[in-house]
Amino acid sequence: MQGKIKQTGLLSSIGFVVGLVAALGGLVFHFFMHHFKKWFVVLEAYPLWRAVLGGVGLGLLGSFLPLTSGEHEMYTLIAESAALGIGSLLLIGLLKMIATALCLSTGWKGGNIFPPMFGGAALGLLAFPAIHPMVGVVGGMAGSAAPADCGYHPITGHPQM
């Protein structure tokens, strides 16, 4: 019993560290959301052009990597994480944060919690060879979701600060 408690504590500590690293991904989302909103404020009176620019940006990002974040894609991401490598996982995690910020700031519908969680899962899987993938996924999802949502009202999208 004593060994299980120590192992659980160690996994929790590792998950916490992974969460802190993934929190940087959430801060990347927050950073881009803030700057994209400032950049696209000039197109506030032209929602069609703002949406077109957002669509073109999402299309360009999506041509590099598929930016879906459904439940089935999460399974694929976990299963293929060892084959993807560190660079691809880092790119998937950060591009997902940037794509979500671009989507929301140009008037497209979407959430500011679950897409960054997918990116955080990719960032959490960076630690996969050293730890069990689920510890990385859960730590990454939890770590990225909190700063990604910090400062934005969940209904209106307006800053709370």
C-alpha atoms as a PDB file:
ATOM      1  CA  MET A   1       0.000   0.000   0.000  1.00  0.00           C
ATOM      2  CA  GLN A   2       2.828   2.384   0.863  1.00  0.00           C
ATOM      3  CA  GLY A   3       4.363   1.942  -2.633  1.00  0.00           C
ATOM      4  CA  LYS A   4       1.059   2.795  -4.341  1.00  0.00           C
ATOM      5  CA  ILE A   5       0.736   6.000  -2.356  1.00  0.00           C
ATOM      6  CA  LYS A   6       4.258   7.060  -3.310  1.00  0.00           C
ATOM      7  CA  GLN A   7       3.631   6.189  -6.967  1.00  0.00           C
ATOM      8  CA  THR A   8       0.351   8.132  -7.004  1.00  0.00           C
ATOM      9  CA  GLY A   9       2.045  11.135  -5.423  1.00  0.00           C
ATOM     10  CA  LEU A  10       4.828  10.984  -7.995  1.00  0.00           C
ATOM     11  CA  LEU A  11       2.343  10.790 -10.894  1.00  0.00           C
ATOM     12  CA  SER A  12       0.379  13.691  -9.440  1.00  0.00           C
ATOM     13  CA  SER A  13       3.553  15.747  -9.157  1.00  0.00           C
ATOM     14  CA  ILE A  14       4.535  14.935 -12.734  1.00  0.00           C
ATOM     15  CA  GLY A  15       1.015  15.777 -13.907  1.00  0.00           C
ATOM     16  CA  PHE A  16       1.262  19.095 -12.084  1.00  0.00           C
ATOM     17  CA  VAL A  17       4.553  19.930 -13.827  1.00  0.00           C
ATOM     18  CA  VAL A  18       3.077  18.930 -17.194  1.00  0.00           C
ATOM     19  CA  GLY A  19       0.094  21.171 -16.404  1.00  0.00           C
ATOM     20  CA  LEU A  20       2.395  24.101 -15.698  1.00  0.00           C
ATOM     21  CA  VAL A  21       4.166  23.594 -19.022  1.00  0.00           C
ATOM     22  CA  ALA A  22       0.828  23.316 -20.845  1.00  0.00           C
ATOM     23  CA  ALA A  23      -0.316  26.480 -19.081  1.00  0.00           C
ATOM     24  CA  LEU A  24       2.215  28.281 -21.266  1.00  0.00           C
ATOM     25  CA  GLY A  25       0.151  27.062 -24.222  1.00  0.00           C
ATOM     26  CA  GLY A  26      -2.944  28.590 -22.628  1.00  0.00           C
ATOM     27  CA  LEU A  27      -1.035  31.824 -22.217  1.00  0.00           C
ATOM     28  CA  VAL A  28      -0.135  31.678 -25.925  1.00  0.00           C
ATOM     29  CA  PHE A  29      -3.882  31.495 -26.639  1.00  0.00           C
ATOM     30  CA  HIS A  30      -4.538  34.425 -24.312  1.00  0.00           C
ATOM     31  CA  PHE A  31      -1.709  36.455 -25.926  1.00  0.00           C
ATOM     32  CA  PHE A  32      -2.955  35.889 -29.487  1.00  0.00           C
ATOM     33  CA  MET A  33      -6.582  36.454 -28.500  1.00  0.00           C
ATOM     34  CA  HIS A  34      -5.664  39.825 -27.025  1.00  0.00           C
ATOM     35  CA  HIS A  35      -3.634  40.916 -30.052  1.00  0.00           C
ATOM     36  CA  PHE A  36      -6.025  39.557 -32.705  1.00  0.00           C
ATOM     37  CA  LYS A  37      -8.908  41.441 -31.072  1.00  0.00           C
ATOM     38  CA  LYS A  38      -6.847  44.648 -31.223  1.00  0.00           C
ATOM     39  CA  TRP A  39      -5.870  44.030 -34.862  1.00  0.00           C
ATOM     40  CA  PHE A  40      -9.385  43.223 -36.062  1.00  0.00           C
ATOM     41  CA  VAL A  41     -11.131  46.073 -34.237  1.00  0.00           C
ATOM     42  CA  VAL A  42     -10.682  48.184 -37.387  1.00  0.00           C
ATOM     43  CA  LEU A  43     -12.954  45.723 -39.209  1.00  0.00           C
ATOM     44  CA  GLU A  44     -15.674  45.909 -36.561  1.00  0.00           C
ATOM     45  CA  ALA A  45     -17.970  47.747 -39.014  1.00  0.00           C
ATOM     46  CA  TYR A  46     -17.235  45.179 -41.756  1.00  0.00           C
ATOM     47  CA  PRO A  47     -18.097  41.769 -40.282  1.00  0.00           C
ATOM     48  CA  LEU A  48     -18.085  40.063 -43.680  1.00  0.00           C
ATOM     49  CA  TRP A  49     -14.491  41.088 -44.428  1.00  0.00           C
ATOM     50  CA  ARG A  50     -13.425  40.211 -40.915  1.00  0.00           C
ATOM     51  CA  ALA A  51     -14.958  36.750 -41.323  1.00  0.00           C
ATOM     52  CA  VAL A  52     -13.312  36.319 -44.741  1.00  0.00           C
ATOM     53  CA  LEU A  53      -9.901  37.182 -43.296  1.00  0.00           C
ATOM     54  CA  GLY A  54     -10.488  34.780 -40.430  1.00  0.00           C
ATOM     55  CA  GLY A  55     -11.538  32.039 -42.844  1.00  0.00           C
ATOM     56  CA  VAL A  56      -8.464  32.573 -45.015  1.00  0.00           C
ATOM     57  CA  GLY A  57      -6.228  32.475 -41.917  1.00  0.00           C
ATOM     58  CA  LEU A  58      -7.880  29.282 -40.679  1.00  0.00           C
ATOM     59  CA  GLY A  59      -7.568  27.757 -44.146  1.00  0.00           C
ATOM     60  CA  LEU A  60      -3.856  28.541 -44.237  1.00  0.00           C
ATOM     61  CA  LEU A  61      -3.311  27.095 -40.758  1.00  0.00           C
ATOM     62  CA  GLY A  62      -5.425  24.052 -41.627  1.00  0.00           C
ATOM     63  CA  SER A  63      -3.367  23.393 -44.742  1.00  0.00           C
ATOM     64  CA  PHE A  64      -0.333  22.735 -42.528  1.00  0.00           C
ATOM     65  CA  LEU A  65      -2.041  20.589 -39.912  1.00  0.00           C
ATOM     66  CA  PRO A  66      -5.587  19.380 -39.409  1.00  0.00           C
ATOM     67  CA  LEU A  67      -6.982  21.537 -36.632  1.00  0.00           C
ATOM     68  CA  THR A  68      -9.948  19.440 -35.554  1.00  0.00           C
ATOM     69  CA  SER A  69     -10.372  18.737 -31.887  1.00  0.00           C
ATOM     70  CA  GLY A  70     -13.102  16.169 -31.491  1.00  0.00           C
ATOM     71  CA  GLU A  71     -13.107  13.158 -29.227  1.00  0.00           C
ATOM     72  CA  HIS A  72     -12.029  10.788 -32.015  1.00  0.00           C
ATOM     73  CA  GLU A  73      -9.111  13.014 -32.993  1.00  0.00           C
ATOM     74  CA  MET A  74      -7.975  12.942 -29.361  1.00  0.00           C
ATOM     75  CA  TYR A  75      -7.802   9.147 -29.502  1.00  0.00           C
ATOM     76  CA  THR A  76      -5.775   9.358 -32.708  1.00  0.00           C
ATOM     77  CA  LEU A  77      -3.467  11.965 -31.203  1.00  0.00           C
ATOM     78  CA  ILE A  78      -2.785   9.770 -28.167  1.00  0.00           C
ATOM     79  CA  ALA A  79      -2.271   6.637 -30.256  1.00  0.00           C
ATOM     80  CA  GLU A  80       0.082   8.343 -32.704  1.00  0.00           C
ATOM     81  CA  SER A  81       1.936  10.588 -30.235  1.00  0.00           C
ATOM     82  CA  ALA A  82       5.100   8.481 -30.176  1.00  0.00           C
ATOM     83  CA  ALA A  83       5.243   8.415 -33.980  1.00  0.00           C
ATOM     84  CA  LEU A  84       4.485  12.136 -34.336  1.00  0.00           C
ATOM     85  CA  GLY A  85       7.505  13.287 -32.394  1.00  0.00           C
ATOM     86  CA  ILE A  86       8.173  16.320 -30.244  1.00  0.00           C
ATOM     87  CA  GLY A  87       8.179  18.884 -33.063  1.00  0.00           C
ATOM     88  CA  SER A  88       4.808  17.819 -34.456  1.00  0.00           C
ATOM     89  CA  LEU A  89       3.156  17.698 -31.041  1.00  0.00           C
ATOM     90  CA  LEU A  90       4.493  21.142 -30.197  1.00  0.00           C
ATOM     91  CA  LEU A  91       3.284  22.483 -33.539  1.00  0.00           C
ATOM     92  CA  ILE A  92      -0.168  20.902 -33.149  1.00  0.00           C
ATOM     93  CA  GLY A  93      -0.540  22.332 -29.634  1.00  0.00           C
ATOM     94  CA  LEU A  94       0.535  25.860 -30.494  1.00  0.00           C
ATOM     95  CA  LEU A  95      -1.266  26.056 -33.853  1.00  0.00           C
ATOM     96  CA  LYS A  96      -4.487  24.927 -32.182  1.00  0.00           C
ATOM     97  CA  MET A  97      -4.175  27.812 -29.712  1.00  0.00           C
ATOM     98  CA  ILE A  98      -3.472  30.328 -32.496  1.00  0.00           C
ATOM     99  CA  ALA A  99      -6.262  28.991 -34.731  1.00  0.00           C
ATOM    100  CA  THR A 100      -8.810  29.187 -31.920  1.00  0.00           C
ATOM    101  CA  ALA A 101      -7.814  32.756 -31.072  1.00  0.00           C
ATOM    102  CA  LEU A 102      -8.052  33.730 -34.753  1.00  0.00           C
ATOM    103  CA  CYS A 103     -11.431  32.049 -35.091  1.00  0.00           C
ATOM    104  CA  LEU A 104     -12.948  33.765 -32.068  1.00  0.00           C
ATOM    105  CA  SER A 105     -11.493  37.207 -32.763  1.00  0.00           C
ATOM    106  CA  THR A 106     -12.771  37.303 -36.358  1.00  0.00           C
ATOM    107  CA  GLY A 107     -16.371  36.553 -35.453  1.00  0.00           C
ATOM    108  CA  TRP A 108     -16.508  32.810 -36.032  1.00  0.00           C
ATOM    109  CA  LYS A 109     -18.360  30.741 -33.464  1.00  0.00           C
ATOM    110  CA  GLY A 110     -16.529  28.446 -31.118  1.00  0.00           C
ATOM    111  CA  GLY A 111     -15.410  27.949 -27.580  1.00  0.00           C
ATOM    112  CA  ASN A 112     -12.418  29.211 -25.704  1.00  0.00           C
ATOM    113  CA  ILE A 113     -12.075  26.215 -23.386  1.00  0.00           C
ATOM    114  CA  PHE A 114     -12.256  22.900 -25.271  1.00  0.00           C
ATOM    115  CA  PRO A 115     -10.090  23.743 -28.327  1.00  0.00           C
ATOM    116  CA  PRO A 116      -7.211  24.932 -26.101  1.00  0.00           C
ATOM    117  CA  MET A 117      -7.690  21.740 -24.084  1.00  0.00           C
ATOM    118  CA  PHE A 118      -6.978  19.745 -27.260  1.00  0.00           C
ATOM    119  CA  GLY A 119      -3.850  21.834 -27.825  1.00  0.00           C
ATOM    120  CA  GLY A 120      -2.915  21.318 -24.176  1.00  0.00           C
ATOM    121  CA  ALA A 121      -3.303  17.554 -24.589  1.00  0.00           C
ATOM    122  CA  ALA A 122      -0.829  17.692 -27.486  1.00  0.00           C
ATOM    123  CA  LEU A 123       1.570  19.695 -25.317  1.00  0.00           C
ATOM    124  CA  GLY A 124       1.075  17.275 -22.421  1.00  0.00           C
ATOM    125  CA  LEU A 125       1.971  14.350 -24.677  1.00  0.00           C
ATOM    126  CA  LEU A 126       5.429  15.872 -25.104  1.00  0.00           C
ATOM    127  CA  ALA A 127       6.296  14.148 -21.814  1.00  0.00           C
ATOM    128  CA  PHE A 128       4.925  10.779 -23.024  1.00  0.00           C
ATOM    129  CA  PRO A 129       8.111   8.730 -23.191  1.00  0.00           C
ATOM    130  CA  ALA A 130       8.789   9.522 -19.530  1.00  0.00           C
ATOM    131  CA  ILE A 131       5.257   9.114 -18.163  1.00  0.00           C
ATOM    132  CA  HIS A 132       1.970   7.401 -18.955  1.00  0.00           C
ATOM    133  CA  PRO A 133       0.172   9.242 -21.791  1.00  0.00           C
ATOM    134  CA  MET A 134      -2.978   9.829 -19.722  1.00  0.00           C
ATOM    135  CA  VAL A 135      -1.027  11.746 -17.083  1.00  0.00           C
ATOM    136  CA  GLY A 136       0.334  13.968 -19.845  1.00  0.00           C
ATOM    137  CA  VAL A 137      -3.072  14.413 -21.484  1.00  0.00           C
ATOM    138  CA  VAL A 138      -4.922  15.257 -18.269  1.00  0.00           C
ATOM    139  CA  GLY A 139      -2.158  17.535 -17.021  1.00  0.00           C
ATOM    140  CA  GLY A 140      -1.944  19.266 -20.387  1.00  0.00           C
ATOM    141  CA  MET A 141      -5.705  19.722 -20.716  1.00  0.00           C
ATOM    142  CA  ALA A 142      -6.080  21.104 -17.205  1.00  0.00           C
ATOM    143  CA  GLY A 143      -3.029  23.304 -17.502  1.00  0.00           C
ATOM    144  CA  SER A 144      -4.030  24.899 -20.804  1.00  0.00           C
ATOM    145  CA  ALA A 145      -7.733  25.411 -20.146  1.00  0.00           C
ATOM    146  CA  ALA A 146      -7.369  27.658 -17.101  1.00  0.00           C
ATOM    147  CA  PRO A 147      -5.186  30.421 -18.596  1.00  0.00           C
ATOM    148  CA  ALA A 148      -6.944  30.125 -21.958  1.00  0.00           C
ATOM    149  CA  ASP A 149     -10.256  31.108 -20.372  1.00  0.00           C
ATOM    150  CA  CYS A 150      -8.800  33.539 -17.854  1.00  0.00           C
ATOM    151  CA  GLY A 151     -10.008  37.069 -18.424  1.00  0.00           C
ATOM    152  CA  TYR A 152     -12.794  36.376 -20.936  1.00  0.00           C
ATOM    153  CA  HIS A 153     -16.456  36.225 -20.094  1.00  0.00           C
ATOM    154  CA  PRO A 154     -17.734  32.797 -21.187  1.00  0.00           C
ATOM    155  CA  ILE A 155     -20.941  34.131 -22.770  1.00  0.00           C
ATOM    156  CA  THR A 156     -20.087  37.469 -24.361  1.00  0.00           C
ATOM    157  CA  GLY A 157     -16.357  37.015 -24.952  1.00  0.00           C
ATOM    158  CA  HIS A 158     -15.654  40.443 -23.459  1.00  0.00           C
ATOM    159  CA  PRO A 159     -12.698  40.917 -21.113  1.00  0.00           C
ATOM    160  CA  GLN A 160     -13.528  40.653 -17.423  1.00  0.00           C
ATOM    161  CA  MET A 161     -10.420  42.470 -16.254  1.00  0.00           C
END
